[in-house]
């Protein structure tokens, strides 16, 4: 009897190498930059995919905050009690403005190139002016007073130690950032194609992080210009008058202190990590917004609660922690950042994140977006299905002025106030 011989085993083939995958590091070997406070075992873990460093991540889906807002309002209708303005804001603004005036007076005869001047401008001035940036952000949503005019005047007042008028310009751009998150050519928080091309390596990203305040100041004018209004002119006139008085009665050094403080506030400063932490893509996820729950929120009007803020822009900074505590199943189960300073460091030195790590959508007026909208609308109509987000009222044009993200929030907040 002839004994059959088993065929020799064929060499194993790693099919993952087909299609060029050998050029990518295994996703599970890459260190995680974000954390999940309370992972939900019932939900599948978000899949990580490598991003293409030569382009942004283009999405055809709706931004996530509108649908999550609808889900939270359905699960926790008592969330409307958190909406409304915060009277404490105006007192914090007054205190920080007075602090900056006192520091400018103290340094009026000190050389701007002395270590004392530079350290004070970074540690005190940078922190204070960053706080005022975020005060203006809070006031932009009309969360300091009930009235719109009072909020605008407070924003102009908070603008004074920043040295350059920007509060009224920021308002329009920021409301568009909320209403049309990630839309190319409209959301000026997004890097441009030119930035993507020239700021890709470590040196370019370090340059961006050092001078990011200039990018945020200049980029909007190239991407989407605004029509001047009387409020823009009031902002400019008040700021210029204040600067002239400051130079006349104190010194040029006092004004230089304010400008240097503003530069440091948006440079390599611990609080400035939030600019990158909020909407850049991390860990190969297509999550567009990230929160941060660490101690630096004390200095930053709780802007680290950024998913919470985008979901409910009409909830003031003092009540954002209460929103998270009310709906932990929505917030503690998604990735967040453990540290703002480490965000800056990782952004500069990690090859897996860079200017390309942003989600973009085509403008609703673009042919691609219109075609996609038509196809999804016809599909939903034929199937008789609508999403919770579609059931919500759309944002009205008056919301640009009011500072609300949606009409349903506007109505709820009116009742709360």
Protein backbone atom coordinates (compact mmCIF):
# COMPACT_ATOMS: atom_id res chain seq x y z
CA UNK A 1 0.00 0.00 0.00
CA UNK A 2 1.42 3.27 -1.08
CA UNK A 3 1.15 5.91 1.59
CA UNK A 4 0.01 9.26 0.24
CA UNK A 5 2.22 12.16 1.05
CA UNK A 6 0.60 15.36 2.26
CA UNK A 7 1.29 18.25 -0.04
CA UNK A 8 3.76 20.77 1.27
CA UNK A 9 2.05 23.74 2.83
CA UNK A 10 2.06 26.87 0.71
CA UNK A 11 3.73 30.00 2.11
CA UNK A 12 1.27 32.29 3.82
CA UNK A 13 0.26 35.33 1.81
CA UNK A 14 -0.48 38.62 3.56
CA UNK A 15 -3.26 39.99 1.37
CA UNK A 16 -3.26 43.25 3.33
CA UNK A 17 -0.16 44.24 1.35
CA UNK A 18 -2.09 44.38 -1.92
CA UNK A 19 -3.08 47.87 -3.01
CA UNK A 20 -0.10 49.59 -1.41
CA UNK A 21 -1.03 48.97 2.22
CA UNK A 22 2.57 47.97 2.96
CA UNK A 23 3.42 51.68 3.01
CA UNK A 24 1.14 52.29 6.01
CA UNK A 25 1.94 51.47 9.60
CA UNK A 26 -0.55 49.09 11.25
CA UNK A 27 -3.27 51.18 12.87
CA UNK A 28 -3.12 49.26 16.13
CA UNK A 29 0.59 50.07 16.42
CA UNK A 30 0.00 53.80 16.46
CA UNK A 31 -0.27 55.43 19.89
CA UNK A 32 -3.72 56.74 20.81
CA UNK A 33 -3.81 60.49 21.35
CA UNK A 34 -7.37 60.61 22.67
CA UNK A 35 -9.20 58.85 25.50
CA UNK A 36 -12.71 57.58 26.10
CA UNK A 37 -13.95 58.34 29.63
CA UNK A 38 -16.57 55.58 29.78
CA UNK A 39 -16.43 53.17 26.82
CA UNK A 40 -19.80 51.72 25.89
CA UNK A 41 -19.40 47.95 25.45
CA UNK A 42 -22.71 47.73 23.61
CA UNK A 43 -21.46 49.95 20.80
CA UNK A 44 -18.80 48.86 18.33
CA UNK A 45 -15.50 50.67 18.59
CA UNK A 46 -15.01 53.38 15.98
CA UNK A 47 -12.93 52.08 13.10
CA UNK A 48 -9.62 53.84 12.47
CA UNK A 49 -8.54 54.47 8.90
CA UNK A 50 -5.32 56.11 7.72
CA UNK A 51 -5.78 59.62 6.36
CA UNK A 52 -4.39 60.76 3.05
CA UNK A 53 -1.77 63.44 3.86
CA UNK A 54 -2.17 64.97 0.40
CA UNK A 55 -5.79 66.00 0.88
CA UNK A 56 -8.47 66.72 3.47
CA UNK A 57 -11.11 64.16 4.46
CA UNK A 58 -14.12 64.98 2.30
CA UNK A 59 -17.48 63.92 3.73
CA UNK A 60 -20.95 63.79 2.22
CA UNK A 61 -22.69 63.33 5.56
CA UNK A 62 -24.40 65.97 7.69
CA UNK A 63 -22.44 67.54 10.53
CA UNK A 64 -23.04 65.52 13.72
CA UNK A 65 -24.24 68.15 16.16
CA UNK A 66 -27.72 68.79 14.83
CA UNK A 67 -28.77 65.13 15.02
CA UNK A 68 -27.16 64.64 18.45
CA UNK A 69 -28.93 67.76 19.73
CA UNK A 70 -32.24 66.28 18.59
CA UNK A 71 -31.43 62.95 20.28
CA UNK A 72 -30.47 64.63 23.56
CA UNK A 73 -33.56 66.84 23.59
CA UNK A 74 -35.67 63.72 23.04
CA UNK A 75 -33.92 61.71 25.76
CA UNK A 76 -33.53 64.62 28.21
CA UNK A 77 -36.18 67.29 27.57
CA UNK A 78 -35.09 68.99 30.81
CA UNK A 79 -31.97 70.15 28.96
CA UNK A 80 -33.87 73.31 28.04
CA UNK A 81 -33.54 74.45 31.67
CA UNK A 82 -29.80 74.87 31.10
CA UNK A 83 -30.26 77.36 28.26
CA UNK A 84 -29.96 81.08 28.82
CA UNK A 85 -27.48 83.85 29.53
CA UNK A 86 -24.93 83.90 32.38
CA UNK A 87 -24.81 87.17 34.41
CA UNK A 88 -21.38 86.24 35.81
CA UNK A 89 -19.72 86.72 32.42
CA UNK A 90 -19.69 90.53 32.50
CA UNK A 91 -17.96 90.59 35.89
CA UNK A 92 -15.26 88.16 34.73
CA UNK A 93 -14.69 90.31 31.63
CA UNK A 94 -14.41 93.46 33.76
CA UNK A 95 -11.91 91.80 36.09
CA UNK A 96 -9.66 90.56 33.27
CA UNK A 97 -9.73 93.91 31.45
CA UNK A 98 -8.72 95.68 34.68
CA UNK A 99 -5.95 93.11 35.22
CA UNK A 100 -4.53 93.83 31.78
CA UNK A 101 -4.74 97.59 32.31
CA UNK A 102 -2.87 97.22 35.62
CA UNK A 103 -0.15 95.12 33.95
CA UNK A 104 0.18 97.64 31.10
CA UNK A 105 0.52 100.47 33.61
CA UNK A 106 3.16 98.52 35.54
CA UNK A 107 5.20 97.87 32.38
CA UNK A 108 4.78 101.31 30.81
CA UNK A 109 8.45 102.22 31.32
CA UNK A 110 9.86 98.69 30.85
CA UNK A 111 11.65 97.74 27.64
CA UNK A 112 9.59 95.33 25.52
CA UNK A 113 12.76 93.29 24.99
CA UNK A 114 13.47 92.78 28.68
CA UNK A 115 12.88 89.33 30.22
CA UNK A 116 10.39 90.84 32.70
CA UNK A 117 8.27 92.31 29.90
CA UNK A 118 8.31 89.13 27.78
CA UNK A 119 7.60 86.74 30.67
CA UNK A 120 4.75 88.94 31.93
CA UNK A 121 3.29 89.23 28.43
CA UNK A 122 3.39 85.44 28.05
CA UNK A 123 2.32 84.22 31.50
CA UNK A 124 -0.14 86.95 32.49
CA UNK A 125 -0.96 88.76 29.28
CA UNK A 126 -1.20 85.67 27.08
CA UNK A 127 -3.48 83.91 29.56
CA UNK A 128 -5.62 87.01 30.13
CA UNK A 129 -6.05 87.84 26.44
CA UNK A 130 -6.81 84.22 25.65
CA UNK A 131 -9.52 84.47 28.27
CA UNK A 132 -10.83 87.59 26.53
CA UNK A 133 -10.79 85.81 23.15
CA UNK A 134 -13.07 83.21 24.65
CA UNK A 135 -15.17 85.82 26.44
CA UNK A 136 -15.89 87.32 23.02
CA UNK A 137 -16.65 83.82 21.77
CA UNK A 138 -19.17 83.39 24.58
CA UNK A 139 -20.67 86.84 24.02
CA UNK A 140 -20.96 86.11 20.28
CA UNK A 141 -23.70 83.63 21.22
CA UNK A 142 -25.46 86.39 23.22
CA UNK A 143 -24.89 84.58 26.50
CA UNK A 144 -23.83 87.53 28.70
CA UNK A 145 -27.03 89.59 28.49
CA UNK A 146 -30.56 88.99 27.25
CA UNK A 147 -30.33 91.86 24.75
CA UNK A 148 -28.31 91.70 21.54
CA UNK A 149 -27.02 95.29 21.72
CA UNK A 150 -25.73 94.84 25.27
CA UNK A 151 -23.84 91.72 24.23
CA UNK A 152 -22.24 93.54 21.30
CA UNK A 153 -21.10 96.44 23.46
CA UNK A 154 -19.63 94.03 26.00
CA UNK A 155 -17.74 92.27 23.20
CA UNK A 156 -16.31 95.61 22.09
CA UNK A 157 -15.28 96.33 25.68
CA UNK A 158 -13.64 92.88 26.04
CA UNK A 159 -11.79 93.61 22.80
CA UNK A 160 -9.90 96.59 24.28
CA UNK A 161 -6.83 94.82 25.77
CA UNK A 162 -6.46 92.73 22.62
CA UNK A 163 -5.29 95.89 20.85
CA UNK A 164 -6.79 95.15 17.43
CA UNK A 165 -10.53 95.38 16.64
CA UNK A 166 -11.92 91.98 15.75
CA UNK A 167 -14.97 91.21 17.93
CA UNK A 168 -17.63 92.16 15.37
CA UNK A 169 -15.81 90.45 12.51
CA UNK A 170 -15.42 87.29 14.55
CA UNK A 171 -19.15 87.16 15.30
CA UNK A 172 -20.27 86.61 11.72
CA UNK A 173 -17.52 84.11 10.91
CA UNK A 174 -18.16 82.13 14.07
CA UNK A 175 -21.91 81.81 13.56
CA UNK A 176 -21.21 80.48 10.06
CA UNK A 177 -18.74 78.02 11.61
CA UNK A 178 -21.61 76.65 13.74
CA UNK A 179 -24.31 76.64 11.09
CA UNK A 180 -22.14 75.28 8.27
CA UNK A 181 -19.45 73.30 10.06
CA UNK A 182 -16.79 72.01 7.69
CA UNK A 183 -18.21 73.59 4.53
CA UNK A 184 -15.39 74.54 2.22
CA UNK A 185 -15.30 78.24 1.40
CA UNK A 186 -17.68 79.14 4.25
CA UNK A 187 -16.24 77.74 7.48
CA UNK A 188 -13.09 79.87 7.81
CA UNK A 189 -11.82 77.72 10.68
CA UNK A 190 -10.70 75.24 8.01
CA UNK A 191 -7.14 75.33 6.61
CA UNK A 192 -6.84 76.27 2.96
CA UNK A 193 -5.28 74.17 0.21
CA UNK A 194 -2.21 76.42 0.27
CA UNK A 195 -1.70 75.78 3.99
CA UNK A 196 -2.01 72.05 3.33
CA UNK A 197 0.74 72.18 0.70
CA UNK A 198 3.33 74.31 2.50
CA UNK A 199 2.87 73.41 6.18
CA UNK A 200 3.06 69.62 6.08
CA UNK A 201 6.38 68.79 7.76
CA UNK A 202 7.48 69.33 11.36
CA UNK A 203 8.89 72.78 10.61
CA UNK A 204 5.70 73.85 8.84
CA UNK A 205 3.46 72.62 11.62
CA UNK A 206 5.68 74.28 14.24
CA UNK A 207 5.41 77.53 12.25
CA UNK A 208 1.63 77.19 12.14
CA UNK A 209 1.36 76.57 15.90
CA UNK A 210 3.66 79.52 16.66
CA UNK A 211 1.78 81.97 14.44
CA UNK A 212 -1.69 80.44 14.41
CA UNK A 213 -3.25 83.65 15.73
CA UNK A 214 -2.18 85.30 12.46
CA UNK A 215 -3.68 82.47 10.41
CA UNK A 216 -7.02 82.85 12.19
CA UNK A 217 -6.85 86.62 11.76
CA UNK A 218 -5.87 86.72 8.08
CA UNK A 219 -7.35 83.54 6.59
CA UNK A 220 -11.01 84.68 6.73
CA UNK A 221 -10.25 87.77 4.64
CA UNK A 222 -8.86 85.59 1.83
CA UNK A 223 -11.56 82.91 2.04
CA UNK A 224 -14.75 84.86 2.67
CA UNK A 225 -14.86 88.63 3.04
CA UNK A 226 -17.53 90.45 5.01
CA UNK A 227 -19.57 93.53 4.29
CA UNK A 228 -18.82 96.29 6.80
CA UNK A 229 -21.71 97.19 9.11
CA UNK A 230 -22.17 100.00 11.60
CA UNK A 231 -21.14 97.58 14.35
CA UNK A 232 -17.85 96.90 12.58
CA UNK A 233 -17.25 100.64 12.43
CA UNK A 234 -18.13 101.07 16.11
CA UNK A 235 -15.70 98.30 17.02
CA UNK A 236 -12.92 99.94 14.97
CA UNK A 237 -13.61 103.46 16.25
CA UNK A 238 -13.73 102.47 19.93
CA UNK A 239 -10.56 100.37 19.64
CA UNK A 240 -8.58 103.07 17.85
CA UNK A 241 -9.69 105.71 20.36
CA UNK A 242 -8.69 103.45 23.23
CA UNK A 243 -5.27 102.75 21.67
CA UNK A 244 -4.60 106.46 21.15
CA UNK A 245 -5.53 107.26 24.77
CA UNK A 246 -3.40 104.37 26.00
CA UNK A 247 -0.32 105.61 24.13
CA UNK A 248 -0.88 109.23 25.14
CA UNK A 249 -1.38 108.70 28.87
CA UNK A 250 0.73 105.58 29.45
CA UNK A 251 3.23 104.79 26.67
CA UNK A 252 3.83 102.94 23.44
CA UNK A 253 5.06 100.07 25.59
CA UNK A 254 1.59 99.66 27.09
CA UNK A 255 0.06 99.14 23.65
CA UNK A 256 2.94 96.85 22.69
CA UNK A 257 2.21 94.80 25.81
CA UNK A 258 -1.37 94.26 24.65
CA UNK A 259 -0.27 93.26 21.13
CA UNK A 260 2.40 90.89 22.48
CA UNK A 261 -0.14 89.38 24.88
CA UNK A 262 -2.49 88.69 21.99
CA UNK A 263 0.30 87.08 19.99
CA UNK A 264 1.29 84.78 22.86
CA UNK A 265 -2.37 83.95 23.51
CA UNK A 266 -2.59 82.35 20.07
CA UNK A 267 0.91 80.90 19.90
CA UNK A 268 2.73 78.15 21.82
CA UNK A 269 0.65 78.75 24.92
CA UNK A 270 -0.97 75.92 26.96
CA UNK A 271 -4.46 77.35 26.43
CA UNK A 272 -3.91 77.73 22.67
CA UNK A 273 -4.00 73.96 22.32
CA UNK A 274 -7.77 74.21 22.12
CA UNK A 275 -7.56 75.74 18.61
CA UNK A 276 -6.15 72.45 17.32
CA UNK A 277 -7.90 70.12 19.76
CA UNK A 278 -11.42 71.14 18.79
CA UNK A 279 -11.81 70.05 15.16
CA UNK A 280 -8.70 68.31 13.86
CA UNK A 281 -9.04 64.55 13.22
CA UNK A 282 -7.15 62.21 15.53
CA UNK A 283 -6.38 58.49 15.76
CA UNK A 284 -7.67 57.83 12.25
CA UNK A 285 -11.25 58.65 13.28
CA UNK A 286 -13.68 60.80 11.32
CA UNK A 287 -14.94 62.43 14.54
CA UNK A 288 -15.11 66.14 13.72
CA UNK A 289 -15.27 67.66 17.20
CA UNK A 290 -13.41 66.78 20.39
CA UNK A 291 -13.89 67.90 23.97
CA UNK A 292 -11.32 68.41 26.71
CA UNK A 293 -12.34 68.15 30.38
CA UNK A 294 -9.09 69.19 32.12
CA UNK A 295 -8.28 72.04 34.54
CA UNK A 296 -7.38 74.63 31.87
CA UNK A 297 -11.11 75.06 31.26
CA UNK A 298 -11.11 77.29 34.34
CA UNK A 299 -9.14 79.88 32.35
CA UNK A 300 -11.06 79.39 29.12
CA UNK A 301 -14.82 79.68 29.74
CA UNK A 302 -15.11 75.87 29.57
CA UNK A 303 -14.48 75.98 25.82
CA UNK A 304 -12.99 72.50 26.22
CA UNK A 305 -16.55 71.21 26.47
CA UNK A 306 -16.64 71.64 22.73
CA UNK A 307 -18.96 68.85 21.67
CA UNK A 308 -21.37 70.11 24.29
CA UNK A 309 -21.01 73.68 23.04
CA UNK A 310 -21.63 72.78 19.39
CA UNK A 311 -24.61 70.65 20.33
CA UNK A 312 -26.15 73.47 22.41
CA UNK A 313 -24.63 76.90 21.65
CA UNK A 314 -27.33 78.57 23.77
CA UNK A 315 -26.06 76.94 26.98
CA UNK A 316 -23.64 79.27 28.78
CA UNK A 317 -20.16 78.25 29.84
CA UNK A 318 -21.01 77.77 33.52
CA UNK A 319 -23.63 75.12 32.66
CA UNK A 320 -21.73 73.06 30.07
CA UNK A 321 -20.44 70.65 32.76
CA UNK A 322 -24.06 70.16 33.84
CA UNK A 323 -24.97 69.28 30.23
CA UNK A 324 -22.27 66.62 30.15
CA UNK A 325 -23.45 65.26 33.52
CA UNK A 326 -27.04 65.19 32.24
CA UNK A 327 -26.22 63.17 29.12
CA UNK A 328 -23.07 61.11 29.84
CA UNK A 329 -24.21 58.39 27.44
CA UNK A 330 -23.68 60.90 24.61
CA UNK A 331 -20.42 62.52 25.73
CA UNK A 332 -18.40 60.16 27.92
CA UNK A 333 -18.60 57.39 25.34
CA UNK A 334 -16.76 59.28 22.57
CA UNK A 335 -13.04 60.16 22.41
CA UNK A 336 -11.83 63.38 24.04
CA UNK A 337 -8.45 65.01 24.62
CA UNK A 338 -6.69 64.56 27.97
CA UNK A 339 -4.33 67.55 27.54
CA UNK A 340 -4.19 70.76 25.49
CA UNK A 341 -0.38 71.20 25.70
CA UNK A 342 0.11 67.63 24.49
CA UNK A 343 -2.21 68.34 21.56
CA UNK A 344 0.25 70.99 20.35
CA UNK A 345 3.22 68.67 20.82
CA UNK A 346 1.54 65.72 19.08
CA UNK A 347 0.29 67.90 16.25
CA UNK A 348 3.83 69.06 15.49
CA UNK A 349 5.69 65.76 15.82
CA UNK A 350 3.12 63.09 14.89
CA UNK A 351 3.15 62.24 11.17
CA UNK A 352 -0.41 60.93 11.40
CA UNK A 353 -1.90 64.37 12.00
CA UNK A 354 -1.37 67.67 10.25
CA UNK A 355 -3.10 70.32 8.19
CA UNK A 356 -4.72 67.49 6.19
CA UNK A 357 -6.49 66.14 9.27
CA UNK A 358 -9.69 68.14 8.86
CA UNK A 359 -13.10 67.03 7.63
CA UNK A 360 -14.53 69.13 4.83
CA UNK A 361 -17.81 69.25 3.00
CA UNK A 362 -18.61 70.86 -0.29
CA UNK A 363 -20.67 74.01 0.07
CA UNK A 364 -24.40 73.39 -0.20
CA UNK A 365 -24.37 75.55 -3.33
CA UNK A 366 -21.71 73.42 -5.06
CA UNK A 367 -22.77 70.98 -7.83
CA UNK A 368 -21.47 67.94 -5.91
CA UNK A 369 -23.40 68.79 -2.76
CA UNK A 370 -26.57 69.57 -4.70
CA UNK A 371 -26.36 66.25 -6.54
CA UNK A 372 -25.85 64.34 -3.28
CA UNK A 373 -28.72 66.17 -1.58
CA UNK A 374 -31.06 65.40 -4.47
CA UNK A 375 -30.18 61.71 -4.42
CA UNK A 376 -30.58 61.36 -0.64
CA UNK A 377 -33.84 63.32 -0.67
CA UNK A 378 -35.34 61.14 -3.39
CA UNK A 379 -34.26 58.01 -1.53
CA UNK A 380 -35.78 59.14 1.77
CA UNK A 381 -39.02 60.27 0.10
CA UNK A 382 -39.42 56.99 -1.78
CA UNK A 383 -38.86 55.02 1.42
CA UNK A 384 -41.02 57.32 3.51
CA UNK A 385 -38.26 57.78 6.10
CA UNK A 386 -36.87 60.94 7.64
CA UNK A 387 -34.13 61.41 10.18
CA UNK A 388 -34.50 63.14 13.51
CA UNK A 389 -32.26 65.91 12.19
CA UNK A 390 -34.62 66.49 9.24
CA UNK A 391 -37.53 66.85 11.63
CA UNK A 392 -35.89 69.83 13.30
CA UNK A 393 -36.69 73.33 12.04
CA UNK A 394 -33.90 74.75 9.92
CA UNK A 395 -31.92 77.76 11.10
CA UNK A 396 -33.45 81.03 10.07
CA UNK A 397 -31.47 83.98 8.72
CA UNK A 398 -32.12 85.88 11.94
CA UNK A 399 -30.03 83.34 13.81
CA UNK A 400 -26.89 84.99 12.41
CA UNK A 401 -27.83 88.03 14.43
CA UNK A 402 -29.12 86.15 17.43
CA UNK A 403 -26.15 83.84 17.77
CA UNK A 404 -28.18 80.64 18.02
CA UNK A 405 -27.52 77.44 16.09
CA UNK A 406 -31.13 76.49 15.47
CA UNK A 407 -34.65 77.82 15.79
CA UNK A 408 -35.65 75.12 18.27
CA UNK A 409 -32.90 76.24 20.64
CA UNK A 410 -33.95 79.85 20.16
CA UNK A 411 -37.50 79.07 21.20
CA UNK A 412 -36.38 77.01 24.20
CA UNK A 413 -33.95 79.67 25.33
CA UNK A 414 -36.58 82.39 25.05
CA UNK A 415 -38.69 80.45 27.55
CA UNK A 416 -35.67 79.90 29.84
CA UNK A 417 -34.72 83.59 29.85
